């Protein structure tokens, strides 16, 4: 099985990260994403409706706190999987005394992206 991650070279927006961290459902999803999971598996594990799960995953991926991977084949279609890709989040002041957020990405998340080359 190969997993392909969508590109995300942009630094996440401060407000976007804070909004995701302030959301109980988003934090709950981050806590269970130790390895790639389908949306259906995430919804079942968190006991949330699929529609809510999709919205929260959109918030997490936009904030750069989770990544979407594609690789599970079901018939002729591929199913998206998601994995948390952060190790630590720091909030501090920059040189202009404005709040900024730094996300340290987990080295373990790269193991999933390395699988894409090992068809």
PDB file of N, CA and C in Angstrom:
ATOM      1  N   UNK A   1       0.854  -1.173   0.000  1.00  0.00           N
ATOM      2  CA  UNK A   1       0.000   0.000   0.000  1.00  0.00           C
ATOM      3  C   UNK A   1       0.895   1.228   0.000  1.00  0.00           C
ATOM      4  N   UNK A   2       0.581   2.183  -0.846  1.00  0.00           N
ATOM      5  CA  UNK A   2       1.359   3.412  -0.825  1.00  0.00           C
ATOM      6  C   UNK A   2       0.486   4.545  -0.321  1.00  0.00           C
ATOM      7  N   UNK A   3       1.119   5.460   0.384  1.00  0.00           N
ATOM      8  CA  UNK A   3       0.418   6.619   0.913  1.00  0.00           C
ATOM      9  C   UNK A   3       1.016   7.859   0.284  1.00  0.00           C
ATOM     10  N   UNK A   4       0.162   8.760  -0.168  1.00  0.00           N
ATOM     11  CA  UNK A   4       0.634   9.997  -0.773  1.00  0.00           C
ATOM     12  C   UNK A   4       0.077  11.158   0.031  1.00  0.00           C
ATOM     13  N   UNK A   5       0.962  12.048   0.456  1.00  0.00           N
ATOM     14  CA  UNK A   5       0.538  13.199   1.235  1.00  0.00           C
ATOM     15  C   UNK A   5       0.360  14.391   0.328  1.00  0.00           C
ATOM     16  N   UNK A   6      -0.651  15.187   0.645  1.00  0.00           N
ATOM     17  CA  UNK A   6      -0.839  16.409  -0.107  1.00  0.00           C
ATOM     18  C   UNK A   6       0.219  17.417   0.318  1.00  0.00           C
ATOM     19  N   UNK A   7       0.717  18.209  -0.616  1.00  0.00           N
ATOM     20  CA  UNK A   7       1.780  19.149  -0.276  1.00  0.00           C
ATOM     21  C   UNK A   7       1.291  20.247   0.656  1.00  0.00           C
ATOM     22  N   UNK A   8       2.128  20.582   1.634  1.00  0.00           N
ATOM     23  CA  UNK A   8       1.788  21.679   2.542  1.00  0.00           C
ATOM     24  C   UNK A   8       3.067  22.349   3.008  1.00  0.00           C
ATOM     25  N   UNK A   9       3.607  23.207   2.140  1.00  0.00           N
ATOM     26  CA  UNK A   9       4.845  23.907   2.458  1.00  0.00           C
ATOM     27  C   UNK A   9       4.601  25.227   3.178  1.00  0.00           C
ATOM     28  N   UNK A  10       3.336  25.626   3.313  1.00  0.00           N
ATOM     29  CA  UNK A  10       3.023  26.903   3.926  1.00  0.00           C
ATOM     30  C   UNK A  10       3.030  26.799   5.447  1.00  0.00           C
ATOM     31  N   UNK A  11       3.409  27.901   6.088  1.00  0.00           N
ATOM     32  CA  UNK A  11       3.343  27.986   7.537  1.00  0.00           C
ATOM     33  C   UNK A  11       1.889  28.220   7.920  1.00  0.00           C
ATOM     34  N   UNK A  12       1.379  27.441   8.889  1.00  0.00           N
ATOM     35  CA  UNK A  12      -0.022  27.620   9.262  1.00  0.00           C
ATOM     36  C   UNK A  12      -0.284  28.988   9.877  1.00  0.00           C
ATOM     37  N   UNK A  13      -1.460  29.501   9.641  1.00  0.00           N
ATOM     38  CA  UNK A  13      -1.897  30.787  10.156  1.00  0.00           C
ATOM     39  C   UNK A  13      -2.128  30.685  11.663  1.00  0.00           C
ATOM     40  N   UNK A  14      -1.673  31.681  12.408  1.00  0.00           N
ATOM     41  CA  UNK A  14      -1.797  31.687  13.867  1.00  0.00           C
ATOM     42  C   UNK A  14      -3.237  31.461  14.313  1.00  0.00           C
ATOM     43  N   UNK A  15      -4.173  32.244  13.756  1.00  0.00           N
ATOM     44  CA  UNK A  15      -5.578  32.140  14.162  1.00  0.00           C
ATOM     45  C   UNK A  15      -6.148  30.769  13.857  1.00  0.00           C
ATOM     46  N   UNK A  16      -5.715  30.188  12.752  1.00  0.00           N
ATOM     47  CA  UNK A  16      -6.186  28.866  12.343  1.00  0.00           C
ATOM     48  C   UNK A  16      -5.724  27.794  13.341  1.00  0.00           C
ATOM     49  N   UNK A  17      -4.473  27.858  13.760  1.00  0.00           N
ATOM     50  CA  UNK A  17      -3.937  26.900  14.729  1.00  0.00           C
ATOM     51  C   UNK A  17      -4.640  27.068  16.075  1.00  0.00           C
ATOM     52  N   UNK A  18      -4.795  28.306  16.517  1.00  0.00           N
ATOM     53  CA  UNK A  18      -5.453  28.568  17.799  1.00  0.00           C
ATOM     54  C   UNK A  18      -6.902  28.081  17.765  1.00  0.00           C
ATOM     55  N   UNK A  19      -7.606  28.330  16.667  1.00  0.00           N
ATOM     56  CA  UNK A  19      -8.997  27.873  16.550  1.00  0.00           C
ATOM     57  C   UNK A  19      -9.079  26.345  16.636  1.00  0.00           C
ATOM     58  N   UNK A  20      -8.147  25.652  15.988  1.00  0.00           N
ATOM     59  CA  UNK A  20      -8.146  24.182  16.041  1.00  0.00           C
ATOM     60  C   UNK A  20      -7.860  23.692  17.454  1.00  0.00           C
ATOM     61  N   UNK A  21      -6.900  24.329  18.128  1.00  0.00           N
ATOM     62  CA  UNK A  21      -6.547  23.906  19.485  1.00  0.00           C
ATOM     63  C   UNK A  21      -7.641  24.237  20.495  1.00  0.00           C
ATOM     64  N   UNK A  22      -8.438  25.255  20.198  1.00  0.00           N
ATOM     65  CA  UNK A  22      -9.524  25.658  21.088  1.00  0.00           C
ATOM     66  C   UNK A  22     -10.754  24.766  20.923  1.00  0.00           C
ATOM     67  N   UNK A  23     -10.764  23.941  19.903  1.00  0.00           N
ATOM     68  CA  UNK A  23     -11.906  23.086  19.590  1.00  0.00           C
ATOM     69  C   UNK A  23     -11.708  21.701  20.206  1.00  0.00           C
ATOM     70  N   UNK A  24     -12.590  21.329  21.118  1.00  0.00           N
ATOM     71  CA  UNK A  24     -12.500  20.054  21.829  1.00  0.00           C
ATOM     72  C   UNK A  24     -12.486  18.863  20.863  1.00  0.00           C
ATOM     73  N   UNK A  25     -13.318  18.905  19.839  1.00  0.00           N
ATOM     74  CA  UNK A  25     -13.385  17.799  18.878  1.00  0.00           C
ATOM     75  C   UNK A  25     -12.073  17.677  18.105  1.00  0.00           C
ATOM     76  N   UNK A  26     -11.472  18.799  17.734  1.00  0.00           N
ATOM     77  CA  UNK A  26     -10.183  18.771  17.035  1.00  0.00           C
ATOM     78  C   UNK A  26      -9.101  18.166  17.925  1.00  0.00           C
ATOM     79  N   UNK A  27      -9.075  18.570  19.189  1.00  0.00           N
ATOM     80  CA  UNK A  27      -8.077  18.006  20.110  1.00  0.00           C
ATOM     81  C   UNK A  27      -8.282  16.509  20.283  1.00  0.00           C
ATOM     82  N   UNK A  28      -9.531  16.081  20.338  1.00  0.00           N
ATOM     83  CA  UNK A  28      -9.828  14.658  20.473  1.00  0.00           C
ATOM     84  C   UNK A  28      -9.347  13.880  19.245  1.00  0.00           C
ATOM     85  N   UNK A  29      -9.538  14.448  18.074  1.00  0.00           N
ATOM     86  CA  UNK A  29      -9.082  13.794  16.848  1.00  0.00           C
ATOM     87  C   UNK A  29      -7.562  13.710  16.825  1.00  0.00           C
ATOM     88  N   UNK A  30      -6.871  14.799  17.165  1.00  0.00           N
ATOM     89  CA  UNK A  30      -5.406  14.778  17.204  1.00  0.00           C
ATOM     90  C   UNK A  30      -4.912  13.664  18.126  1.00  0.00           C
ATOM     91  N   UNK A  31      -5.583  13.489  19.250  1.00  0.00           N
ATOM     92  CA  UNK A  31      -5.156  12.502  20.241  1.00  0.00           C
ATOM     93  C   UNK A  31      -5.225  11.064  19.726  1.00  0.00           C
ATOM     94  N   UNK A  32      -6.120  10.781  18.782  1.00  0.00           N
ATOM     95  CA  UNK A  32      -6.241   9.395  18.295  1.00  0.00           C
ATOM     96  C   UNK A  32      -5.472   9.141  17.005  1.00  0.00           C
ATOM     97  N   UNK A  33      -4.952  10.179  16.379  1.00  0.00           N
ATOM     98  CA  UNK A  33      -4.287  10.023  15.084  1.00  0.00           C
ATOM     99  C   UNK A  33      -2.809   9.651  15.224  1.00  0.00           C
ATOM    100  N   UNK A  34      -2.548   8.499  15.810  1.00  0.00           N
ATOM    101  CA  UNK A  34      -1.167   8.035  15.947  1.00  0.00           C
ATOM    102  C   UNK A  34      -0.671   7.378  14.669  1.00  0.00           C
ATOM    103  N   UNK A  35      -1.584   6.875  13.863  1.00  0.00           N
ATOM    104  CA  UNK A  35      -1.265   6.310  12.561  1.00  0.00           C
ATOM    105  C   UNK A  35      -2.410   6.674  11.631  1.00  0.00           C
ATOM    106  N   UNK A  36      -2.206   6.580  10.321  1.00  0.00           N
ATOM    107  CA  UNK A  36      -3.271   7.002   9.396  1.00  0.00           C
ATOM    108  C   UNK A  36      -4.583   6.263   9.639  1.00  0.00           C
ATOM    109  N   UNK A  37      -5.657   7.036   9.656  1.00  0.00           N
ATOM    110  CA  UNK A  37      -7.008   6.496   9.847  1.00  0.00           C
ATOM    111  C   UNK A  37      -7.946   7.107   8.809  1.00  0.00           C
ATOM    112  N   UNK A  38      -8.934   6.330   8.391  1.00  0.00           N
ATOM    113  CA  UNK A  38      -9.958   6.851   7.497  1.00  0.00           C
ATOM    114  C   UNK A  38     -10.907   7.752   8.279  1.00  0.00           C
ATOM    115  N   UNK A  39     -11.649   8.565   7.551  1.00  0.00           N
ATOM    116  CA  UNK A  39     -12.613   9.458   8.186  1.00  0.00           C
ATOM    117  C   UNK A  39     -13.650   8.639   8.955  1.00  0.00           C
ATOM    118  N   UNK A  40     -14.073   7.539   8.366  1.00  0.00           N
ATOM    119  CA  UNK A  40     -15.072   6.694   9.029  1.00  0.00           C
ATOM    120  C   UNK A  40     -14.539   6.141  10.345  1.00  0.00           C
ATOM    121  N   UNK A  41     -13.279   5.707  10.355  1.00  0.00           N
ATOM    122  CA  UNK A  41     -12.669   5.173  11.585  1.00  0.00           C
ATOM    123  C   UNK A  41     -12.521   6.262  12.647  1.00  0.00           C
ATOM    124  N   UNK A  42     -12.180   7.467  12.210  1.00  0.00           N
ATOM    125  CA  UNK A  42     -12.046   8.597  13.145  1.00  0.00           C
ATOM    126  C   UNK A  42     -13.406   8.935  13.748  1.00  0.00           C
ATOM    127  N   UNK A  43     -14.435   8.995  12.901  1.00  0.00           N
ATOM    128  CA  UNK A  43     -15.787   9.301  13.383  1.00  0.00           C
ATOM    129  C   UNK A  43     -16.245   8.251  14.388  1.00  0.00           C
ATOM    130  N   UNK A  44     -15.965   6.993  14.095  1.00  0.00           N
ATOM    131  CA  UNK A  44     -16.359   5.922  15.012  1.00  0.00           C
ATOM    132  C   UNK A  44     -15.594   6.020  16.331  1.00  0.00           C
ATOM    133  N   UNK A  45     -14.294   6.264  16.256  1.00  0.00           N
ATOM    134  CA  UNK A  45     -13.467   6.330  17.467  1.00  0.00           C
ATOM    135  C   UNK A  45     -13.839   7.512  18.359  1.00  0.00           C
ATOM    136  N   UNK A  46     -14.253   8.608  17.742  1.00  0.00           N
ATOM    137  CA  UNK A  46     -14.598   9.807  18.521  1.00  0.00           C
ATOM    138  C   UNK A  46     -16.097   9.920  18.788  1.00  0.00           C
ATOM    139  N   UNK A  47     -16.857   8.989  18.229  1.00  0.00           N
ATOM    140  CA  UNK A  47     -18.315   8.980  18.372  1.00  0.00           C
ATOM    141  C   UNK A  47     -18.941  10.295  17.910  1.00  0.00           C
ATOM    142  N   UNK A  48     -18.474  10.744  16.737  1.00  0.00           N
ATOM    143  CA  UNK A  48     -18.990  11.980  16.138  1.00  0.00           C
ATOM    144  C   UNK A  48     -19.561  11.656  14.754  1.00  0.00           C
ATOM    145  N   UNK A  49     -20.525  12.451  14.291  1.00  0.00           N
ATOM    146  CA  UNK A  49     -21.060  12.233  12.942  1.00  0.00           C
ATOM    147  C   UNK A  49     -19.977  12.462  11.888  1.00  0.00           C
ATOM    148  N   UNK A  50     -20.147  11.814  10.728  1.00  0.00           N
ATOM    149  CA  UNK A  50     -19.190  11.990   9.636  1.00  0.00           C
ATOM    150  C   UNK A  50     -19.074  13.448   9.214  1.00  0.00           C
ATOM    151  N   UNK A  51     -20.188  14.157   9.157  1.00  0.00           N
ATOM    152  CA  UNK A  51     -20.147  15.561   8.720  1.00  0.00           C
ATOM    153  C   UNK A  51     -19.284  16.399   9.657  1.00  0.00           C
ATOM    154  N   UNK A  52     -19.415  16.184  10.944  1.00  0.00           N
ATOM    155  CA  UNK A  52     -18.596  16.901  11.930  1.00  0.00           C
ATOM    156  C   UNK A  52     -17.139  16.509  11.783  1.00  0.00           C
ATOM    157  N   UNK A  53     -16.892  15.224  11.604  1.00  0.00           N
ATOM    158  CA  UNK A  53     -15.522  14.723  11.477  1.00  0.00           C
ATOM    159  C   UNK A  53     -14.833  15.342  10.263  1.00  0.00           C
ATOM    160  N   UNK A  54     -15.542  15.408   9.136  1.00  0.00           N
ATOM    161  CA  UNK A  54     -14.973  16.046   7.945  1.00  0.00           C
ATOM    162  C   UNK A  54     -14.632  17.510   8.211  1.00  0.00           C
ATOM    163  N   UNK A  55     -15.529  18.244   8.863  1.00  0.00           N
ATOM    164  CA  UNK A  55     -15.271  19.669   9.157  1.00  0.00           C
ATOM    165  C   UNK A  55     -14.064  19.833  10.066  1.00  0.00           C
ATOM    166  N   UNK A  56     -13.954  18.990  11.082  1.00  0.00           N
ATOM    167  CA  UNK A  56     -12.832  19.097  12.024  1.00  0.00           C
ATOM    168  C   UNK A  56     -11.520  18.730  11.336  1.00  0.00           C
ATOM    169  N   UNK A  57     -11.544  17.723  10.470  1.00  0.00           N
ATOM    170  CA  UNK A  57     -10.330  17.356   9.737  1.00  0.00           C
ATOM    171  C   UNK A  57      -9.913  18.460   8.773  1.00  0.00           C
ATOM    172  N   UNK A  58     -10.875  19.144   8.163  1.00  0.00           N
ATOM    173  CA  UNK A  58     -10.553  20.302   7.316  1.00  0.00           C
ATOM    174  C   UNK A  58      -9.851  21.376   8.142  1.00  0.00           C
ATOM    175  N   UNK A  59     -10.359  21.617   9.339  1.00  0.00           N
ATOM    176  CA  UNK A  59      -9.766  22.614  10.242  1.00  0.00           C
ATOM    177  C   UNK A  59      -8.339  22.205  10.620  1.00  0.00           C
ATOM    178  N   UNK A  60      -8.154  20.936  10.953  1.00  0.00           N
ATOM    179  CA  UNK A  60      -6.827  20.442  11.360  1.00  0.00           C
ATOM    180  C   UNK A  60      -5.822  20.467  10.216  1.00  0.00           C
ATOM    181  N   UNK A  61      -6.244  20.108   9.013  1.00  0.00           N
ATOM    182  CA  UNK A  61      -5.311  20.130   7.887  1.00  0.00           C
ATOM    183  C   UNK A  61      -4.982  21.561   7.485  1.00  0.00           C
ATOM    184  N   UNK A  62      -5.970  22.446   7.545  1.00  0.00           N
ATOM    185  CA  UNK A  62      -5.722  23.865   7.237  1.00  0.00           C
ATOM    186  C   UNK A  62      -4.738  24.466   8.243  1.00  0.00           C
ATOM    187  N   UNK A  63      -4.825  24.027   9.487  1.00  0.00           N
ATOM    188  CA  UNK A  63      -3.927  24.525  10.534  1.00  0.00           C
ATOM    189  C   UNK A  63      -2.557  23.846  10.482  1.00  0.00           C
ATOM    190  N   UNK A  64      -2.401  22.842   9.644  1.00  0.00           N
ATOM    191  CA  UNK A  64      -1.121  22.148   9.545  1.00  0.00           C
ATOM    192  C   UNK A  64      -0.881  21.173  10.682  1.00  0.00           C
ATOM    193  N   UNK A  65      -1.946  20.744  11.367  1.00  0.00           N
ATOM    194  CA  UNK A  65      -1.803  19.846  12.513  1.00  0.00           C
ATOM    195  C   UNK A  65      -2.106  18.393  12.157  1.00  0.00           C
ATOM    196  N   UNK A  66      -2.579  18.163  10.958  1.00  0.00           N
ATOM    197  CA  UNK A  66      -2.833  16.812  10.457  1.00  0.00           C
ATOM    198  C   UNK A  66      -2.569  16.832   8.963  1.00  0.00           C
ATOM    199  N   UNK A  67      -2.274  15.664   8.427  1.00  0.00           N
ATOM    200  CA  UNK A  67      -2.041  15.543   6.995  1.00  0.00           C
ATOM    201  C   UNK A  67      -2.991  14.519   6.421  1.00  0.00           C
ATOM    202  N   UNK A  68      -3.374  14.753   5.179  1.00  0.00           N
ATOM    203  CA  UNK A  68      -4.207  13.798   4.467  1.00  0.00           C
ATOM    204  C   UNK A  68      -3.317  12.922   3.605  1.00  0.00           C
ATOM    205  N   UNK A  69      -3.537  11.633   3.687  1.00  0.00           N
ATOM    206  CA  UNK A  69      -2.815  10.678   2.861  1.00  0.00           C
ATOM    207  C   UNK A  69      -3.832   9.864   2.081  1.00  0.00           C
ATOM    208  N   UNK A  70      -3.467   9.442   0.896  1.00  0.00           N
ATOM    209  CA  UNK A  70      -4.337   8.606   0.082  1.00  0.00           C
ATOM    210  C   UNK A  70      -3.624   7.292  -0.129  1.00  0.00           C
ATOM    211  N   UNK A  71      -4.300   6.194   0.024  1.00  0.00           N
ATOM    212  CA  UNK A  71      -3.617   4.941  -0.210  1.00  0.00           C
ATOM    213  C   UNK A  71      -4.447   3.707   0.006  1.00  0.00           C
ATOM    214  N   UNK A  72      -5.573   3.796   0.647  1.00  0.00           N
ATOM    215  CA  UNK A  72      -6.401   2.631   0.895  1.00  0.00           C
ATOM    216  C   UNK A  72      -7.316   2.443  -0.305  1.00  0.00           C
ATOM    217  N   UNK A  73      -7.204   1.318  -0.957  1.00  0.00           N
ATOM    218  CA  UNK A  73      -8.067   1.040  -2.101  1.00  0.00           C
ATOM    219  C   UNK A  73      -9.284   0.260  -1.650  1.00  0.00           C
ATOM    220  N   UNK A  74     -10.422   0.724  -2.091  1.00  0.00           N
ATOM    221  CA  UNK A  74     -11.670  -0.007  -1.882  1.00  0.00           C
ATOM    222  C   UNK A  74     -12.341  -0.054  -3.233  1.00  0.00           C
ATOM    223  N   UNK A  75     -12.227  -1.196  -3.891  1.00  0.00           N
ATOM    224  CA  UNK A  75     -12.743  -1.299  -5.250  1.00  0.00           C
ATOM    225  C   UNK A  75     -11.890  -0.459  -6.175  1.00  0.00           C
ATOM    226  N   UNK A  76     -12.537   0.431  -6.920  1.00  0.00           N
ATOM    227  CA  UNK A  76     -11.816   1.274  -7.871  1.00  0.00           C
ATOM    228  C   UNK A  76     -11.448   2.626  -7.290  1.00  0.00           C
ATOM    229  N   UNK A  77     -11.818   2.862  -6.037  1.00  0.00           N
ATOM    230  CA  UNK A  77     -11.592   4.171  -5.424  1.00  0.00           C
ATOM    231  C   UNK A  77     -10.521   4.102  -4.345  1.00  0.00           C
ATOM    232  N   UNK A  78      -9.873   5.229  -4.131  1.00  0.00           N
ATOM    233  CA  UNK A  78      -8.923   5.361  -3.024  1.00  0.00           C
ATOM    234  C   UNK A  78      -9.604   6.112  -1.897  1.00  0.00           C
ATOM    235  N   UNK A  79      -9.333   5.699  -0.684  1.00  0.00           N
ATOM    236  CA  UNK A  79      -9.904   6.370   0.492  1.00  0.00           C
ATOM    237  C   UNK A  79      -8.834   7.192   1.175  1.00  0.00           C
ATOM    238  N   UNK A  80      -9.189   8.401   1.543  1.00  0.00           N
ATOM    239  CA  UNK A  80      -8.253   9.273   2.252  1.00  0.00           C
ATOM    240  C   UNK A  80      -8.063   8.764   3.671  1.00  0.00           C
ATOM    241  N   UNK A  81      -6.863   8.934   4.169  1.00  0.00           N
ATOM    242  CA  UNK A  81      -6.539   8.681   5.560  1.00  0.00           C
ATOM    243  C   UNK A  81      -5.881   9.938   6.100  1.00  0.00           C
ATOM    244  N   UNK A  82      -5.986  10.114   7.397  1.00  0.00           N
ATOM    245  CA  UNK A  82      -5.405  11.287   8.052  1.00  0.00           C
ATOM    246  C   UNK A  82      -4.477  10.832   9.168  1.00  0.00           C
ATOM    247  N   UNK A  83      -3.441  11.629   9.412  1.00  0.00           N
ATOM    248  CA  UNK A  83      -2.506  11.364  10.500  1.00  0.00           C
ATOM    249  C   UNK A  83      -2.071  12.698  11.100  1.00  0.00           C
ATOM    250  N   UNK A  84      -1.957  12.748  12.425  1.00  0.00           N
ATOM    251  CA  UNK A  84      -1.431  13.947  13.088  1.00  0.00           C
ATOM    252  C   UNK A  84       0.055  14.022  12.791  1.00  0.00           C
ATOM    253  N   UNK A  85       0.545  15.202  12.538  1.00  0.00           N
ATOM    254  CA  UNK A  85       1.941  15.342  12.139  1.00  0.00           C
ATOM    255  C   UNK A  85       2.703  16.318  13.019  1.00  0.00           C
ATOM    256  N   UNK A  86       2.263  16.486  14.259  1.00  0.00           N
ATOM    257  CA  UNK A  86       2.942  17.450  15.105  1.00  0.00           C
ATOM    258  C   UNK A  86       3.509  16.777  16.349  1.00  0.00           C
ATOM    259  N   UNK A  87       4.564  17.356  16.827  1.00  0.00           N
ATOM    260  CA  UNK A  87       5.191  16.881  18.059  1.00  0.00           C
ATOM    261  C   UNK A  87       5.013  17.902  19.173  1.00  0.00           C
ATOM    262  N   UNK A  88       5.119  19.185  18.795  1.00  0.00           N
ATOM    263  CA  UNK A  88       5.033  20.246  19.796  1.00  0.00           C
ATOM    264  C   UNK A  88       4.577  21.531  19.125  1.00  0.00           C
ATOM    265  N   UNK A  89       3.804  22.310  19.883  1.00  0.00           N
ATOM    266  CA  UNK A  89       3.362  23.620  19.419  1.00  0.00           C
ATOM    267  C   UNK A  89       3.836  24.655  20.429  1.00  0.00           C
ATOM    268  N   UNK A  90       4.479  25.712  19.926  1.00  0.00           N
ATOM    269  CA  UNK A  90       4.951  26.795  20.781  1.00  0.00           C
ATOM    270  C   UNK A  90       4.285  28.094  20.362  1.00  0.00           C
ATOM    271  N   UNK A  91       3.849  28.871  21.347  1.00  0.00           N
ATOM    272  CA  UNK A  91       3.286  30.186  21.082  1.00  0.00           C
ATOM    273  C   UNK A  91       4.185  31.194  21.786  1.00  0.00           C
ATOM    274  N   UNK A  92       4.619  32.182  21.035  1.00  0.00           N
ATOM    275  CA  UNK A  92       5.518  33.174  21.611  1.00  0.00           C
ATOM    276  C   UNK A  92       5.406  34.497  20.893  1.00  0.00           C
ATOM    277  N   UNK A  93       6.254  35.426  21.288  1.00  0.00           N
ATOM    278  CA  UNK A  93       6.292  36.739  20.660  1.00  0.00           C
ATOM    279  C   UNK A  93       7.436  36.799  19.667  1.00  0.00           C
ATOM    280  N   UNK A  94       7.186  37.429  18.518  1.00  0.00           N
ATOM    281  CA  UNK A  94       8.259  37.614  17.557  1.00  0.00           C
ATOM    282  C   UNK A  94       8.990  38.921  17.855  1.00  0.00           C
ATOM    283  N   UNK A  95       9.899  39.325  16.986  1.00  0.00           N
ATOM    284  CA  UNK A  95      10.701  40.525  17.226  1.00  0.00           C
ATOM    285  C   UNK A  95       9.872  41.802  17.239  1.00  0.00           C
ATOM    286  N   UNK A  96       8.654  41.758  16.685  1.00  0.00           N
ATOM    287  CA  UNK A  96       7.752  42.912  16.701  1.00  0.00           C
ATOM    288  C   UNK A  96       6.734  42.827  17.832  1.00  0.00           C
ATOM    289  N   UNK A  97       6.978  41.923  18.804  1.00  0.00           N
ATOM    290  CA  UNK A  97       6.071  41.685  19.933  1.00  0.00           C
ATOM    291  C   UNK A  97       4.668  41.274  19.497  1.00  0.00           C
ATOM    292  N   UNK A  98       4.592  40.543  18.391  1.00  0.00           N
ATOM    293  CA  UNK A  98       3.327  39.986  17.935  1.00  0.00           C
ATOM    294  C   UNK A  98       3.354  38.489  18.187  1.00  0.00           C
ATOM    295  N   UNK A  99       2.186  37.942  18.556  1.00  0.00           N
ATOM    296  CA  UNK A  99       2.108  36.512  18.811  1.00  0.00           C
ATOM    297  C   UNK A  99       2.367  35.728  17.540  1.00  0.00           C
ATOM    298  N   UNK A 100       3.078  34.629  17.695  1.00  0.00           N
ATOM    299  CA  UNK A 100       3.313  33.732  16.572  1.00  0.00           C
ATOM    300  C   UNK A 100       3.254  32.315  17.098  1.00  0.00           C
ATOM    301  N   UNK A 101       3.013  31.394  16.209  1.00  0.00           N
ATOM    302  CA  UNK A 101       2.939  29.983  16.572  1.00  0.00           C
ATOM    303  C   UNK A 101       3.994  29.223  15.771  1.00  0.00           C
ATOM    304  N   UNK A 102       4.686  28.329  16.448  1.00  0.00           N
ATOM    305  CA  UNK A 102       5.655  27.455  15.803  1.00  0.00           C
ATOM    306  C   UNK A 102       5.211  26.024  16.033  1.00  0.00           C
ATOM    307  N   UNK A 103       5.120  25.269  14.966  1.00  0.00           N
ATOM    308  CA  UNK A 103       4.735  23.865  15.066  1.00  0.00           C
ATOM    309  C   UNK A 103       5.958  23.022  14.757  1.00  0.00           C
ATOM    310  N   UNK A 104       6.343  22.188  15.713  1.00  0.00           N
ATOM    311  CA  UNK A 104       7.421  21.228  15.480  1.00  0.00           C
ATOM    312  C   UNK A 104       6.766  19.959  14.965  1.00  0.00           C
ATOM    313  N   UNK A 105       7.097  19.608  13.750  1.00  0.00           N
ATOM    314  CA  UNK A 105       6.477  18.446  13.138  1.00  0.00           C
ATOM    315  C   UNK A 105       7.177  17.180  13.587  1.00  0.00           C
ATOM    316  N   UNK A 106       6.396  16.160  13.835  1.00  0.00           N
ATOM    317  CA  UNK A 106       6.904  14.895  14.344  1.00  0.00           C
ATOM    318  C   UNK A 106       7.735  14.194  13.286  1.00  0.00           C
ATOM    319  N   UNK A 107       8.876  13.684  13.710  1.00  0.00           N
ATOM    320  CA  UNK A 107       9.700  12.923  12.777  1.00  0.00           C
ATOM    321  C   UNK A 107       9.009  11.620  12.417  1.00  0.00           C
ATOM    322  N   UNK A 108       8.152  11.120  13.291  1.00  0.00           N
ATOM    323  CA  UNK A 108       7.414   9.891  13.021  1.00  0.00           C
ATOM    324  C   UNK A 108       6.426  10.042  11.892  1.00  0.00           C
ATOM    325  N   UNK A 109       5.943  11.265  11.653  1.00  0.00           N
ATOM    326  CA  UNK A 109       4.999  11.487  10.557  1.00  0.00           C
ATOM    327  C   UNK A 109       5.671  11.222   9.221  1.00  0.00           C
ATOM    328  N   UNK A 110       6.991  11.428   9.166  1.00  0.00           N
ATOM    329  CA  UNK A 110       7.682  11.205   7.905  1.00  0.00           C
ATOM    330  C   UNK A 110       7.710   9.736   7.517  1.00  0.00           C
ATOM    331  N   UNK A 111       7.555   8.851   8.481  1.00  0.00           N
ATOM    332  CA  UNK A 111       7.527   7.425   8.158  1.00  0.00           C
ATOM    333  C   UNK A 111       6.373   7.109   7.223  1.00  0.00           C
ATOM    334  N   UNK A 112       5.247   7.803   7.399  1.00  0.00           N
ATOM    335  CA  UNK A 112       4.098   7.552   6.535  1.00  0.00           C
ATOM    336  C   UNK A 112       4.345   8.110   5.149  1.00  0.00           C
ATOM    337  N   UNK A 113       5.014   9.256   5.055  1.00  0.00           N
ATOM    338  CA  UNK A 113       5.281   9.805   3.732  1.00  0.00           C
ATOM    339  C   UNK A 113       6.339   8.982   3.007  1.00  0.00           C
ATOM    340  N   UNK A 114       7.241   8.330   3.745  1.00  0.00           N
ATOM    341  CA  UNK A 114       8.246   7.489   3.126  1.00  0.00           C
ATOM    342  C   UNK A 114       7.621   6.258   2.491  1.00  0.00           C
ATOM    343  N   UNK A 115       6.475   5.833   2.976  1.00  0.00           N
ATOM    344  CA  UNK A 115       5.804   4.669   2.417  1.00  0.00           C
ATOM    345  C   UNK A 115       5.349   4.893   1.006  1.00  0.00           C
ATOM    346  N   UNK A 116       5.141   6.151   0.618  1.00  0.00           N
ATOM    347  CA  UNK A 116       4.649   6.418  -0.729  1.00  0.00           C
ATOM    348  C   UNK A 116       5.658   5.955  -1.777  1.00  0.00           C
ATOM    349  N   UNK A 117       6.928   5.963  -1.458  1.00  0.00           N
ATOM    350  CA  UNK A 117       7.924   5.519  -2.419  1.00  0.00           C
ATOM    351  C   UNK A 117       8.054   4.007  -2.460  1.00  0.00           C
ATOM    352  N   UNK A 118       7.546   3.293  -1.468  1.00  0.00           N
ATOM    353  CA  UNK A 118       7.733   1.855  -1.412  1.00  0.00           C
ATOM    354  C   UNK A 118       6.562   1.068  -1.943  1.00  0.00           C
ATOM    355  N   UNK A 119       5.955   1.475  -3.037  1.00  0.00           N
ATOM    356  CA  UNK A 119       4.787   0.852  -3.657  1.00  0.00           C
ATOM    357  C   UNK A 119       4.740  -0.602  -3.339  1.00  0.00           C
TER     358      UNK A 119
END
